[in-house]
Amino acid sequence: MDVLSRPAEEFENDQTLEAMWAMKAYEHAEIYFNILCSVDPKYLKLTPIDDIIYKEFREEFPNLRLNIIEENELKSEKSKAKWRPFCEKFKKCVEDYSFGTLLRSDASKSYTEDNTILVTRIQFYAIELARNREGVNDNLRKHFPKIE
């Protein structure tokens, strides 16, 4: 069993575990960004239920700006109260739905320390599916050529 998938209660501020988590989150971000820079984002399939996630996201957050996400739009108390029920809808159908995942704040830029927000996996899927379907990620292939 992968140690990162074990319940958090089993660990107490273990720096080795934190480093392993950070490496896994960074690898996920790097792979995803390389894919975005290689293919037309409109055709990317992130989960088996992309259509449902996107529909629910846009029904719940119709006015959320996708090009630049402010951290407080996701993490303020008011925002958390709205995001929490959205995330819980996917608890049984999205693997690792609450796993910490890195999201680019500014969709026109790559992952950097200043352009990264820690979100849950389902928030990442919802926002990135919307960015892909609504054309927000379209220019990445022009600005960030495919890495060989």
N, C-alpha and C. Protein backbone atom coordinates (compact mmCIF):
# COMPACT_ATOMS: atom_id res chain seq x y z
N MET A 1 0.85 -1.19 0.00
CA MET A 1 0.00 0.00 0.00
C MET A 1 0.89 1.25 0.00
N ASP A 2 0.54 2.22 -0.81
CA ASP A 2 1.26 3.47 -0.90
C ASP A 2 1.09 4.26 0.39
N VAL A 3 2.19 4.64 1.01
CA VAL A 3 2.14 5.34 2.30
C VAL A 3 1.36 6.65 2.20
N LEU A 4 1.37 7.30 1.04
CA LEU A 4 0.67 8.58 0.90
C LEU A 4 -0.84 8.43 0.87
N SER A 5 -1.33 7.21 0.68
CA SER A 5 -2.78 7.02 0.66
C SER A 5 -3.33 6.58 2.02
N ARG A 6 -2.47 6.46 2.99
CA ARG A 6 -2.91 6.06 4.33
C ARG A 6 -3.55 7.24 5.05
N PRO A 7 -4.39 6.97 6.05
CA PRO A 7 -5.07 8.06 6.77
C PRO A 7 -4.08 9.01 7.45
N ALA A 8 -4.36 10.28 7.35
CA ALA A 8 -3.48 11.31 7.90
C ALA A 8 -3.29 11.17 9.40
N GLU A 9 -4.30 10.63 10.08
CA GLU A 9 -4.23 10.49 11.54
C GLU A 9 -3.08 9.58 11.99
N GLU A 10 -2.57 8.76 11.08
CA GLU A 10 -1.50 7.83 11.43
C GLU A 10 -0.14 8.53 11.53
N PHE A 11 -0.07 9.77 11.09
CA PHE A 11 1.22 10.47 11.03
C PHE A 11 1.18 11.76 11.83
N GLU A 12 2.33 12.11 12.39
CA GLU A 12 2.44 13.37 13.13
C GLU A 12 3.56 14.20 12.53
N ASN A 13 3.23 15.23 11.79
CA ASN A 13 4.21 16.16 11.22
C ASN A 13 5.51 15.47 10.80
N ASP A 14 5.41 14.40 10.09
CA ASP A 14 6.57 13.65 9.61
C ASP A 14 7.14 14.37 8.39
N GLN A 15 8.35 14.92 8.54
CA GLN A 15 8.95 15.69 7.45
C GLN A 15 9.23 14.82 6.24
N THR A 16 9.54 13.55 6.44
CA THR A 16 9.78 12.64 5.33
C THR A 16 8.50 12.47 4.54
N LEU A 17 7.39 12.30 5.24
CA LEU A 17 6.10 12.15 4.57
C LEU A 17 5.73 13.42 3.82
N GLU A 18 5.96 14.57 4.43
CA GLU A 18 5.68 15.84 3.77
C GLU A 18 6.50 15.98 2.50
N ALA A 19 7.75 15.58 2.55
CA ALA A 19 8.61 15.65 1.36
C ALA A 19 8.11 14.70 0.27
N MET A 20 7.68 13.50 0.67
CA MET A 20 7.14 12.54 -0.30
C MET A 20 5.87 13.10 -0.94
N TRP A 21 4.99 13.69 -0.13
CA TRP A 21 3.77 14.27 -0.66
C TRP A 21 4.11 15.39 -1.63
N ALA A 22 5.02 16.26 -1.26
CA ALA A 22 5.39 17.39 -2.12
C ALA A 22 5.95 16.89 -3.45
N MET A 23 6.78 15.85 -3.40
CA MET A 23 7.33 15.29 -4.64
C MET A 23 6.23 14.72 -5.53
N LYS A 24 5.28 14.02 -4.93
CA LYS A 24 4.18 13.43 -5.69
C LYS A 24 3.31 14.53 -6.30
N ALA A 25 3.00 15.55 -5.54
CA ALA A 25 2.19 16.67 -6.04
C ALA A 25 2.92 17.40 -7.16
N TYR A 26 4.22 17.60 -7.01
CA TYR A 26 4.99 18.28 -8.05
C TYR A 26 5.05 17.44 -9.32
N GLU A 27 5.26 16.13 -9.17
CA GLU A 27 5.30 15.25 -10.34
C GLU A 27 3.98 15.29 -11.10
N HIS A 28 2.87 15.26 -10.37
CA HIS A 28 1.55 15.36 -10.98
C HIS A 28 1.42 16.67 -11.76
N ALA A 29 1.82 17.77 -11.14
CA ALA A 29 1.74 19.08 -11.78
C ALA A 29 2.61 19.14 -13.04
N GLU A 30 3.81 18.63 -12.95
CA GLU A 30 4.73 18.65 -14.08
C GLU A 30 4.20 17.82 -15.26
N ILE A 31 3.69 16.65 -14.97
CA ILE A 31 3.13 15.79 -16.02
C ILE A 31 1.92 16.47 -16.66
N TYR A 32 1.03 16.98 -15.84
CA TYR A 32 -0.17 17.63 -16.36
C TYR A 32 0.21 18.83 -17.24
N PHE A 33 1.13 19.65 -16.79
CA PHE A 33 1.52 20.83 -17.57
C PHE A 33 2.16 20.42 -18.89
N ASN A 34 2.99 19.39 -18.88
CA ASN A 34 3.60 18.91 -20.13
C ASN A 34 2.54 18.42 -21.11
N ILE A 35 1.51 17.77 -20.60
CA ILE A 35 0.42 17.31 -21.46
C ILE A 35 -0.33 18.52 -22.03
N LEU A 36 -0.61 19.52 -21.19
CA LEU A 36 -1.29 20.74 -21.67
C LEU A 36 -0.52 21.42 -22.79
N CYS A 37 0.80 21.34 -22.71
CA CYS A 37 1.64 21.99 -23.71
C CYS A 37 1.81 21.13 -24.97
N SER A 38 1.29 19.92 -24.95
CA SER A 38 1.49 18.99 -26.05
C SER A 38 0.24 18.72 -26.88
N VAL A 39 -0.93 18.83 -26.28
CA VAL A 39 -2.17 18.49 -26.99
C VAL A 39 -3.21 19.59 -26.81
N ASP A 40 -4.22 19.55 -27.64
CA ASP A 40 -5.32 20.50 -27.52
C ASP A 40 -6.08 20.18 -26.23
N PRO A 41 -6.10 21.10 -25.28
CA PRO A 41 -6.73 20.84 -23.98
C PRO A 41 -8.20 20.44 -24.06
N LYS A 42 -8.89 20.87 -25.10
CA LYS A 42 -10.32 20.54 -25.22
C LYS A 42 -10.56 19.03 -25.29
N TYR A 43 -9.54 18.29 -25.70
CA TYR A 43 -9.70 16.85 -25.88
C TYR A 43 -9.16 16.03 -24.71
N LEU A 44 -8.64 16.69 -23.70
CA LEU A 44 -8.10 15.96 -22.55
C LEU A 44 -9.23 15.38 -21.70
N LYS A 45 -9.04 14.15 -21.28
CA LYS A 45 -9.98 13.49 -20.38
C LYS A 45 -9.23 13.30 -19.06
N LEU A 46 -9.70 13.94 -18.01
CA LEU A 46 -9.02 13.88 -16.72
C LEU A 46 -9.58 12.79 -15.80
N THR A 47 -10.87 12.49 -15.93
CA THR A 47 -11.52 11.46 -15.12
C THR A 47 -12.57 10.77 -15.98
N PRO A 48 -13.08 9.64 -15.52
CA PRO A 48 -14.18 9.00 -16.26
C PRO A 48 -15.49 9.80 -16.20
N ILE A 49 -15.58 10.76 -15.28
CA ILE A 49 -16.83 11.53 -15.14
C ILE A 49 -16.62 13.03 -15.37
N ASP A 50 -15.77 13.37 -16.31
CA ASP A 50 -15.48 14.77 -16.62
C ASP A 50 -16.74 15.60 -16.87
N ASP A 51 -17.68 15.04 -17.65
CA ASP A 51 -18.88 15.81 -17.99
C ASP A 51 -19.69 16.16 -16.75
N ILE A 52 -19.79 15.24 -15.83
CA ILE A 52 -20.55 15.48 -14.59
C ILE A 52 -19.85 16.52 -13.73
N ILE A 53 -18.53 16.38 -13.57
CA ILE A 53 -17.77 17.34 -12.76
C ILE A 53 -17.91 18.74 -13.34
N TYR A 54 -17.75 18.86 -14.65
CA TYR A 54 -17.84 20.18 -15.29
C TYR A 54 -19.23 20.78 -15.11
N LYS A 55 -20.27 19.98 -15.37
CA LYS A 55 -21.65 20.46 -15.25
C LYS A 55 -21.93 20.93 -13.82
N GLU A 56 -21.59 20.12 -12.84
CA GLU A 56 -21.82 20.47 -11.43
C GLU A 56 -21.02 21.73 -11.04
N PHE A 57 -19.79 21.81 -11.51
CA PHE A 57 -18.94 22.96 -11.21
C PHE A 57 -19.56 24.25 -11.73
N ARG A 58 -19.96 24.24 -12.99
CA ARG A 58 -20.51 25.46 -13.58
C ARG A 58 -21.88 25.81 -13.02
N GLU A 59 -22.63 24.82 -12.56
CA GLU A 59 -23.90 25.12 -11.90
C GLU A 59 -23.66 25.77 -10.54
N GLU A 60 -22.66 25.28 -9.82
CA GLU A 60 -22.37 25.78 -8.48
C GLU A 60 -21.54 27.07 -8.50
N PHE A 61 -20.66 27.19 -9.49
CA PHE A 61 -19.75 28.34 -9.56
C PHE A 61 -19.81 28.97 -10.96
N PRO A 62 -20.96 29.48 -11.36
CA PRO A 62 -21.11 29.98 -12.74
C PRO A 62 -20.24 31.20 -13.06
N ASN A 63 -19.88 31.97 -12.07
CA ASN A 63 -19.14 33.21 -12.32
C ASN A 63 -17.68 33.16 -11.88
N LEU A 64 -17.21 31.97 -11.50
CA LEU A 64 -15.80 31.90 -11.07
C LEU A 64 -14.90 32.15 -12.27
N ARG A 65 -14.08 33.16 -12.14
CA ARG A 65 -13.13 33.54 -13.18
C ARG A 65 -12.05 32.46 -13.26
N LEU A 66 -11.75 31.98 -14.44
CA LEU A 66 -10.81 30.87 -14.59
C LEU A 66 -9.39 31.29 -14.94
N ASN A 67 -9.24 32.44 -15.59
CA ASN A 67 -7.89 32.81 -16.04
C ASN A 67 -6.96 33.09 -14.87
N ILE A 68 -7.46 33.74 -13.84
CA ILE A 68 -6.66 33.95 -12.63
C ILE A 68 -7.54 33.62 -11.43
N ILE A 69 -7.08 32.65 -10.65
CA ILE A 69 -7.80 32.23 -9.45
C ILE A 69 -7.10 32.85 -8.25
N GLU A 70 -7.85 33.62 -7.49
CA GLU A 70 -7.31 34.17 -6.25
C GLU A 70 -7.49 33.13 -5.15
N GLU A 71 -6.49 32.95 -4.33
CA GLU A 71 -6.54 31.93 -3.29
C GLU A 71 -7.75 32.09 -2.37
N ASN A 72 -8.13 33.33 -2.07
CA ASN A 72 -9.28 33.54 -1.19
C ASN A 72 -10.60 33.12 -1.83
N GLU A 73 -10.64 33.00 -3.18
CA GLU A 73 -11.83 32.51 -3.86
C GLU A 73 -12.06 31.02 -3.55
N LEU A 74 -11.02 30.37 -3.07
CA LEU A 74 -11.09 28.96 -2.75
C LEU A 74 -11.03 28.70 -1.24
N LYS A 75 -10.37 29.60 -0.50
CA LYS A 75 -10.04 29.28 0.88
C LYS A 75 -10.61 30.20 1.95
N SER A 76 -11.34 31.23 1.57
CA SER A 76 -11.99 32.06 2.59
C SER A 76 -13.07 31.22 3.26
N GLU A 77 -13.52 31.62 4.43
CA GLU A 77 -14.56 30.85 5.12
C GLU A 77 -15.83 30.75 4.28
N LYS A 78 -16.20 31.85 3.63
CA LYS A 78 -17.39 31.86 2.77
C LYS A 78 -17.20 30.89 1.60
N SER A 79 -16.02 30.91 1.00
CA SER A 79 -15.74 30.02 -0.13
C SER A 79 -15.70 28.56 0.30
N LYS A 80 -15.07 28.30 1.43
CA LYS A 80 -15.00 26.92 1.92
C LYS A 80 -16.40 26.35 2.16
N ALA A 81 -17.30 27.19 2.65
CA ALA A 81 -18.66 26.73 2.92
C ALA A 81 -19.37 26.33 1.62
N LYS A 82 -18.98 26.94 0.53
CA LYS A 82 -19.58 26.59 -0.76
C LYS A 82 -18.84 25.43 -1.43
N TRP A 83 -17.52 25.41 -1.29
CA TRP A 83 -16.72 24.35 -1.92
C TRP A 83 -16.89 23.00 -1.22
N ARG A 84 -17.00 23.01 0.09
CA ARG A 84 -17.05 21.75 0.84
C ARG A 84 -18.15 20.81 0.34
N PRO A 85 -19.42 21.26 0.22
CA PRO A 85 -20.46 20.36 -0.28
C PRO A 85 -20.21 19.93 -1.73
N PHE A 86 -19.65 20.83 -2.54
CA PHE A 86 -19.32 20.46 -3.91
C PHE A 86 -18.33 19.30 -3.92
N CYS A 87 -17.27 19.43 -3.15
CA CYS A 87 -16.23 18.39 -3.10
C CYS A 87 -16.79 17.06 -2.58
N GLU A 88 -17.61 17.12 -1.57
CA GLU A 88 -18.15 15.91 -0.97
C GLU A 88 -19.05 15.12 -1.92
N LYS A 89 -19.64 15.79 -2.91
CA LYS A 89 -20.45 15.08 -3.90
C LYS A 89 -19.65 14.01 -4.63
N PHE A 90 -18.34 14.19 -4.69
CA PHE A 90 -17.48 13.32 -5.49
C PHE A 90 -16.65 12.35 -4.65
N LYS A 91 -16.96 12.30 -3.37
CA LYS A 91 -16.19 11.47 -2.44
C LYS A 91 -16.11 10.01 -2.88
N LYS A 92 -17.21 9.46 -3.34
CA LYS A 92 -17.25 8.04 -3.68
C LYS A 92 -16.92 7.74 -5.14
N CYS A 93 -16.85 8.77 -5.98
CA CYS A 93 -16.66 8.48 -7.41
C CYS A 93 -15.37 9.05 -8.01
N VAL A 94 -14.63 9.86 -7.27
CA VAL A 94 -13.36 10.37 -7.76
C VAL A 94 -12.25 9.92 -6.81
N GLU A 95 -11.37 9.10 -7.34
CA GLU A 95 -10.28 8.58 -6.52
C GLU A 95 -9.42 9.73 -6.00
N ASP A 96 -9.07 9.65 -4.73
CA ASP A 96 -8.22 10.68 -4.09
C ASP A 96 -8.82 12.08 -4.23
N TYR A 97 -10.15 12.20 -4.16
CA TYR A 97 -10.83 13.47 -4.39
C TYR A 97 -10.33 14.58 -3.47
N SER A 98 -9.86 14.23 -2.27
CA SER A 98 -9.42 15.25 -1.32
C SER A 98 -7.90 15.35 -1.23
N PHE A 99 -7.19 14.64 -2.08
CA PHE A 99 -5.73 14.64 -2.07
C PHE A 99 -5.21 16.03 -2.46
N GLY A 100 -4.23 16.52 -1.76
CA GLY A 100 -3.65 17.82 -2.07
C GLY A 100 -3.04 17.83 -3.46
N THR A 101 -3.40 18.84 -4.24
CA THR A 101 -2.97 18.94 -5.64
C THR A 101 -2.61 20.39 -5.92
N LEU A 102 -1.64 20.58 -6.78
CA LEU A 102 -1.18 21.93 -7.11
C LEU A 102 -1.96 22.47 -8.31
N LEU A 103 -2.43 23.71 -8.17
CA LEU A 103 -3.18 24.39 -9.21
C LEU A 103 -2.45 25.67 -9.57
N ARG A 104 -2.36 25.97 -10.87
CA ARG A 104 -1.78 27.25 -11.29
C ARG A 104 -2.80 28.35 -11.03
N SER A 105 -2.38 29.38 -10.35
CA SER A 105 -3.25 30.52 -10.07
C SER A 105 -3.56 31.25 -11.38
N ASP A 106 -2.55 31.61 -12.12
CA ASP A 106 -2.68 32.29 -13.40
C ASP A 106 -2.55 31.23 -14.49
N ALA A 107 -3.62 30.98 -15.21
CA ALA A 107 -3.65 29.90 -16.20
C ALA A 107 -2.72 30.14 -17.38
N SER A 108 -2.27 31.36 -17.57
CA SER A 108 -1.38 31.66 -18.71
C SER A 108 0.08 31.35 -18.40
N LYS A 109 0.37 30.99 -17.16
CA LYS A 109 1.75 30.76 -16.73
C LYS A 109 1.95 29.31 -16.30
N SER A 110 3.22 28.94 -16.20
CA SER A 110 3.56 27.59 -15.75
C SER A 110 3.51 27.52 -14.22
N TYR A 111 3.78 26.34 -13.70
CA TYR A 111 3.86 26.16 -12.25
C TYR A 111 5.14 26.80 -11.74
N THR A 112 4.99 27.75 -10.83
CA THR A 112 6.12 28.34 -10.12
C THR A 112 5.68 28.49 -8.67
N GLU A 113 6.61 28.81 -7.82
CA GLU A 113 6.26 28.99 -6.40
C GLU A 113 5.21 30.08 -6.23
N ASP A 114 5.32 31.16 -6.99
CA ASP A 114 4.39 32.28 -6.88
C ASP A 114 3.07 32.05 -7.61
N ASN A 115 3.00 31.01 -8.45
CA ASN A 115 1.80 30.78 -9.27
C ASN A 115 1.12 29.46 -8.92
N THR A 116 1.28 29.03 -7.69
CA THR A 116 0.75 27.73 -7.30
C THR A 116 -0.09 27.85 -6.03
N ILE A 117 -1.26 27.21 -6.08
CA ILE A 117 -2.16 27.14 -4.93
C ILE A 117 -2.39 25.66 -4.63
N LEU A 118 -2.38 25.32 -3.37
CA LEU A 118 -2.69 23.95 -2.96
C LEU A 118 -4.20 23.81 -2.85
N VAL A 119 -4.78 22.87 -3.60
CA VAL A 119 -6.22 22.64 -3.60
C VAL A 119 -6.48 21.14 -3.45
N THR A 120 -7.73 20.77 -3.31
CA THR A 120 -8.06 19.35 -3.31
C THR A 120 -8.08 18.86 -4.76
N ARG A 121 -7.94 17.57 -4.94
CA ARG A 121 -7.91 16.99 -6.29
C ARG A 121 -9.20 17.32 -7.06
N ILE A 122 -10.36 17.27 -6.40
CA ILE A 122 -11.61 17.55 -7.10
C ILE A 122 -11.70 19.03 -7.50
N GLN A 123 -11.16 19.94 -6.69
CA GLN A 123 -11.13 21.35 -7.10
C GLN A 123 -10.23 21.51 -8.33
N PHE A 124 -9.09 20.84 -8.32
CA PHE A 124 -8.20 20.87 -9.47
C PHE A 124 -8.93 20.39 -10.72
N TYR A 125 -9.58 19.22 -10.61
CA TYR A 125 -10.30 18.68 -11.77
C TYR A 125 -11.37 19.66 -12.26
N ALA A 126 -12.16 20.19 -11.35
CA ALA A 126 -13.25 21.08 -11.73
C ALA A 126 -12.73 22.32 -12.45
N ILE A 127 -11.71 22.95 -11.89
CA ILE A 127 -11.18 24.19 -12.47
C ILE A 127 -10.46 23.90 -13.79
N GLU A 128 -9.64 22.85 -13.81
CA GLU A 128 -8.90 22.55 -15.04
C GLU A 128 -9.81 22.04 -16.15
N LEU A 129 -10.84 21.28 -15.82
CA LEU A 129 -11.80 20.87 -16.85
C LEU A 129 -12.46 22.10 -17.47
N ALA A 130 -12.85 23.05 -16.63
CA ALA A 130 -13.46 24.28 -17.13
C ALA A 130 -12.46 25.08 -17.96
N ARG A 131 -11.22 25.20 -17.49
CA ARG A 131 -10.21 25.91 -18.26
C ARG A 131 -10.00 25.26 -19.63
N ASN A 132 -9.98 23.94 -19.66
CA ASN A 132 -9.76 23.22 -20.91
C ASN A 132 -10.95 23.38 -21.86
N ARG A 133 -12.15 23.23 -21.34
CA ARG A 133 -13.34 23.28 -22.18
C ARG A 133 -13.70 24.69 -22.62
N GLU A 134 -13.31 25.68 -21.83
CA GLU A 134 -13.67 27.06 -22.15
C GLU A 134 -12.53 27.82 -22.83
N GLY A 135 -11.48 27.12 -23.21
CA GLY A 135 -10.41 27.70 -24.00
C GLY A 135 -9.36 28.47 -23.23
N VAL A 136 -9.41 28.47 -21.93
CA VAL A 136 -8.47 29.24 -21.12
C VAL A 136 -7.04 28.70 -21.26
N ASN A 137 -6.89 27.39 -21.42
CA ASN A 137 -5.56 26.78 -21.54
C ASN A 137 -5.06 26.67 -22.98
N ASP A 138 -5.81 27.19 -23.94
CA ASP A 138 -5.47 27.02 -25.35
C ASP A 138 -4.11 27.60 -25.76
N ASN A 139 -3.70 28.70 -25.19
CA ASN A 139 -2.46 29.36 -25.63
C ASN A 139 -1.19 28.76 -25.05
N LEU A 140 -1.31 27.82 -24.14
CA LEU A 140 -0.11 27.27 -23.50
C LEU A 140 0.83 26.61 -24.50
N ARG A 141 0.29 25.92 -25.50
CA ARG A 141 1.16 25.24 -26.48
C ARG A 141 1.99 26.24 -27.27
N LYS A 142 1.48 27.45 -27.47
CA LYS A 142 2.23 28.48 -28.21
C LYS A 142 3.36 29.06 -27.35
N HIS A 143 3.07 29.27 -26.07
CA HIS A 143 4.03 29.93 -25.18
C HIS A 143 5.00 28.98 -24.49
N PHE A 144 4.64 27.71 -24.38
CA PHE A 144 5.49 26.73 -23.71
C PHE A 144 5.61 25.51 -24.62
N PRO A 145 6.59 25.55 -25.54
CA PRO A 145 6.73 24.43 -26.46
C PRO A 145 6.94 23.11 -25.73
N LYS A 146 6.50 22.05 -26.39
CA LYS A 146 6.60 20.70 -25.83
C LYS A 146 8.04 20.39 -25.44
N ILE A 147 8.19 19.82 -24.25
CA ILE A 147 9.52 19.43 -23.76
C ILE A 147 9.79 18.01 -24.21
N GLU A 148 10.87 17.81 -24.92
CA GLU A 148 11.23 16.48 -25.43
C GLU A 148 12.01 15.70 -24.41
